[in-house]
Amino acid sequence: MTRLPLKKWCSVGGLSIISFPTHAEYAVLYSTLESLADEKIALIHSKPLHHSSSTDINLIDATGHALTARSALRSRISDQEGVTLVEDPTDTQGLLSQLKRLTKSLTQTQWWLWWSPSDLVAQKVDDMEIVKCLRVIAKDFSETHFLAFVAQSVHTQRGHALLEYISSVYLEVERLVDDGHSAHRWRVVKHPDSQLVGDEIEP
């Protein structure tokens, strides 16, 4: 099997999706950031980050905040530090509008990463609403690299199928257990070059 760096697999542009087991969410993100170490990145994140990297990252904090005086102050402080705050990530229309505005200010960004739209499920956002949001992103970012991380166990079977359908590249991370040792295998589920489907990825 062909083993190429992750950046090569997702270089086609448009929406690419990495599907991962929930226990591996940090490992998958950090492997991805290492693979994109020389790129300018905008990272939408829903959980705390503990990653030190030389990667040029614009952080978009979508951990979820009510619009209060305290969060408004935090937003102003964050803007000074190069961190953008999403007040209500469950408002997918508002999130899409904010992303459109950000694309105009972050013009040098080479890769957009969303880690992870699956977190919206825990905030009671309907699976199909998440799919619709990513469908709009697939259209709006058709000339850009946009990578979304999807947790395998939280979406419906239909939701997963639709996410695979709307993505230009769909990668799946599997947990392999051998003699008590676990590792992860990354493989191609969908790619514009159908001959590459089933190949393994070097994260």
Protein backbone atom coordinates (compact mmCIF):
# COMPACT_ATOMS: atom_id res chain seq x y z
CA MET A 1 0.00 0.00 0.00
CA THR A 2 1.04 3.56 -0.70
CA ARG A 3 1.94 5.50 2.45
CA LEU A 4 2.08 9.26 1.92
CA PRO A 5 2.02 12.20 4.36
CA LEU A 6 -1.45 13.38 5.36
CA LYS A 7 -0.91 16.72 3.61
CA LYS A 8 -0.53 14.93 0.26
CA TRP A 9 -3.80 13.01 0.66
CA CYS A 10 -5.83 16.13 1.44
CA SER A 11 -4.15 18.43 -1.08
CA VAL A 12 -7.13 18.32 -3.48
CA GLY A 13 -8.84 21.26 -1.74
CA GLY A 14 -12.42 21.56 -0.53
CA LEU A 15 -13.82 19.74 2.50
CA SER A 16 -11.89 16.74 3.79
CA ILE A 17 -13.01 14.73 6.82
CA ILE A 18 -11.06 12.58 9.26
CA SER A 19 -13.28 10.14 11.14
CA PHE A 20 -11.76 9.00 14.45
CA PRO A 21 -12.58 6.91 17.55
CA THR A 22 -13.36 9.26 20.44
CA HIS A 23 -10.45 8.12 22.62
CA ALA A 24 -8.03 9.21 19.89
CA GLU A 25 -9.26 12.77 19.32
CA TYR A 26 -6.15 14.50 20.74
CA ALA A 27 -3.74 12.05 19.08
CA VAL A 28 -5.42 12.56 15.69
CA LEU A 29 -5.39 16.35 16.01
CA TYR A 30 -1.75 16.54 17.08
CA SER A 31 -0.65 14.13 14.33
CA THR A 32 -2.47 16.36 11.85
CA LEU A 33 -0.83 19.53 13.20
CA GLU A 34 2.59 17.85 12.95
CA SER A 35 1.86 16.93 9.34
CA LEU A 36 0.94 20.56 8.60
CA ALA A 37 3.81 22.06 10.58
CA ASP A 38 4.95 24.33 7.74
CA GLU A 39 1.48 25.70 6.92
CA LYS A 40 -0.59 28.66 8.10
CA ILE A 41 -3.60 27.21 9.94
CA ALA A 42 -6.92 28.47 11.30
CA LEU A 43 -8.06 26.03 14.01
CA ILE A 44 -11.64 26.00 15.29
CA HIS A 45 -11.56 24.08 18.57
CA SER A 46 -14.19 22.99 21.10
CA LYS A 47 -11.84 21.63 23.78
CA PRO A 48 -8.69 22.85 25.57
CA LEU A 49 -5.45 22.54 23.59
CA HIS A 50 -2.16 21.41 25.10
CA HIS A 51 -0.04 21.47 22.00
CA SER A 52 3.18 23.41 21.60
CA SER A 53 4.11 23.70 17.95
CA SER A 54 5.99 26.05 15.69
CA THR A 55 2.99 25.90 13.37
CA ASP A 56 1.49 29.31 12.57
CA ILE A 57 -2.01 28.83 14.06
CA ASN A 58 -4.91 31.28 14.34
CA LEU A 59 -7.11 29.88 17.12
CA ILE A 60 -10.90 30.15 16.90
CA ASP A 61 -12.33 29.30 20.32
CA ALA A 62 -15.70 27.53 19.90
CA THR A 63 -15.88 25.99 23.37
CA GLY A 64 -19.24 27.72 23.89
CA HIS A 65 -19.88 30.91 25.85
CA ALA A 66 -22.96 32.88 26.78
CA LEU A 67 -22.89 36.51 25.69
CA THR A 68 -22.02 38.14 29.01
CA ALA A 69 -19.94 41.13 30.04
CA ARG A 70 -17.22 38.72 31.15
CA SER A 71 -17.12 36.82 27.85
CA ALA A 72 -17.22 40.10 25.90
CA LEU A 73 -14.14 41.23 27.84
CA ARG A 74 -12.51 37.86 27.18
CA SER A 75 -13.30 38.25 23.50
CA ARG A 76 -11.54 41.64 23.34
CA ILE A 77 -8.51 40.24 25.17
CA SER A 78 -8.48 37.16 22.94
CA ASP A 79 -8.56 39.28 19.79
CA GLN A 80 -5.41 41.03 20.97
CA GLU A 81 -3.72 37.64 21.38
CA GLY A 82 -4.78 36.38 17.96
CA VAL A 83 -7.61 34.22 19.31
CA THR A 84 -11.13 34.62 17.92
CA LEU A 85 -14.06 33.75 20.19
CA VAL A 86 -17.26 32.12 18.90
CA GLU A 87 -19.94 33.11 21.42
CA ASP A 88 -22.51 30.46 20.44
CA PRO A 89 -21.17 27.59 18.29
CA THR A 90 -24.61 25.92 18.40
CA ASP A 91 -25.89 28.78 16.21
CA THR A 92 -24.61 27.21 13.00
CA GLN A 93 -25.85 30.09 10.83
CA GLY A 94 -23.97 32.55 13.04
CA LEU A 95 -20.88 30.34 12.91
CA LEU A 96 -21.00 30.22 9.11
CA SER A 97 -21.36 34.02 8.95
CA GLN A 98 -18.39 34.44 11.27
CA LEU A 99 -16.29 32.04 9.18
CA LYS A 100 -17.12 34.06 6.05
CA ARG A 101 -15.92 37.23 7.76
CA LEU A 102 -12.78 35.49 8.99
CA THR A 103 -11.84 34.29 5.50
CA LYS A 104 -11.58 37.96 4.51
CA SER A 105 -9.25 38.82 7.39
CA LEU A 106 -7.21 35.58 7.46
CA THR A 107 -6.36 35.67 3.77
CA GLN A 108 -2.97 33.98 4.17
CA THR A 109 -4.47 30.89 5.82
CA GLN A 110 -3.61 27.73 3.90
CA TRP A 111 -5.55 25.19 5.99
CA TRP A 112 -8.78 25.51 7.99
CA LEU A 113 -9.32 22.83 10.65
CA TRP A 114 -12.48 22.24 12.72
CA TRP A 115 -11.89 20.12 15.81
CA SER A 116 -14.63 19.09 16.02
CA PRO A 117 -18.18 19.61 14.68
CA SER A 118 -19.09 16.38 16.52
CA ASP A 119 -18.96 18.32 19.81
CA LEU A 120 -22.14 20.12 18.74
CA VAL A 121 -24.04 16.83 19.25
CA ALA A 122 -23.38 17.10 23.00
CA GLN A 123 -24.85 20.61 22.86
CA LYS A 124 -28.10 19.21 21.41
CA VAL A 125 -27.50 20.30 17.82
CA ASP A 126 -29.32 17.94 15.44
CA ASP A 127 -27.11 15.65 13.36
CA MET A 128 -28.68 16.87 10.12
CA GLU A 129 -28.04 20.49 11.12
CA ILE A 130 -24.34 19.66 11.48
CA VAL A 131 -24.38 17.98 8.06
CA LYS A 132 -26.07 21.06 6.51
CA CYS A 133 -23.45 23.31 8.10
CA LEU A 134 -20.60 21.21 6.68
CA ARG A 135 -22.34 21.09 3.29
CA VAL A 136 -22.22 24.91 3.19
CA ILE A 137 -18.56 24.82 4.22
CA ALA A 138 -17.84 22.30 1.44
CA LYS A 139 -19.28 24.81 -1.04
CA ASP A 140 -17.76 27.98 0.46
CA PHE A 141 -14.29 26.46 0.90
CA SER A 142 -14.17 24.60 -2.41
CA GLU A 143 -10.97 26.46 -3.36
CA THR A 144 -9.37 26.06 0.08
CA HIS A 145 -8.20 23.20 2.30
CA PHE A 146 -10.83 22.65 5.02
CA LEU A 147 -10.38 19.63 7.31
CA ALA A 148 -13.12 18.57 9.75
CA PHE A 149 -12.62 15.96 12.48
CA VAL A 150 -15.64 13.70 13.07
CA ALA A 151 -16.09 11.40 16.08
CA GLN A 152 -17.28 8.00 14.91
CA SER A 153 -19.57 7.07 17.81
CA VAL A 154 -21.67 10.23 18.16
CA HIS A 155 -23.27 10.63 14.72
CA THR A 156 -26.11 8.60 13.29
CA GLN A 157 -25.42 6.11 10.53
CA ARG A 158 -27.22 8.43 8.10
CA GLY A 159 -25.21 11.42 9.35
CA HIS A 160 -21.95 9.56 8.79
CA ALA A 161 -22.98 8.52 5.29
CA LEU A 162 -23.90 12.10 4.37
CA LEU A 163 -20.65 13.48 5.78
CA GLU A 164 -18.71 10.99 3.67
CA TYR A 165 -20.81 11.96 0.64
CA ILE A 166 -20.24 15.74 0.89
CA SER A 167 -16.49 15.50 1.56
CA SER A 168 -13.92 15.51 -1.22
CA VAL A 169 -11.62 13.25 0.82
CA TYR A 170 -12.76 11.00 3.69
CA LEU A 171 -10.20 9.36 5.94
CA GLU A 172 -10.87 6.90 8.75
CA VAL A 173 -8.75 6.21 11.81
CA GLU A 174 -9.04 2.70 13.28
CA ARG A 175 -7.70 1.36 16.54
CA LEU A 176 -5.51 -1.72 16.15
CA VAL A 177 -4.74 -3.90 19.17
CA ASP A 178 -1.89 -6.40 18.95
CA ASP A 179 -0.70 -8.35 22.02
CA GLY A 180 -2.04 -5.70 24.37
CA HIS A 181 -0.44 -2.84 22.43
CA SER A 182 -2.73 -0.41 20.64
CA ALA A 183 -1.94 1.68 17.61
CA HIS A 184 -3.95 3.57 15.03
CA ARG A 185 -4.23 2.97 11.32
CA TRP A 186 -5.28 5.78 8.99
CA ARG A 187 -6.84 4.74 5.70
CA VAL A 188 -8.54 6.30 2.68
CA VAL A 189 -12.30 5.69 2.45
CA LYS A 190 -13.07 8.27 -0.26
CA HIS A 191 -10.79 10.16 -2.63
CA PRO A 192 -11.20 11.77 -6.09
CA ASP A 193 -8.69 9.20 -7.31
CA SER A 194 -10.72 6.05 -6.63
CA GLN A 195 -7.64 3.85 -7.03
CA LEU A 196 -6.32 5.26 -3.76
CA VAL A 197 -9.33 4.07 -1.73
CA GLY A 198 -8.17 1.52 0.84
CA ASP A 199 -4.61 2.85 0.95
CA GLU A 200 -2.98 3.68 4.27
CA ILE A 201 -1.86 7.14 5.30
CA GLU A 202 1.32 8.19 7.02
CA PRO A 203 0.00 10.76 9.54
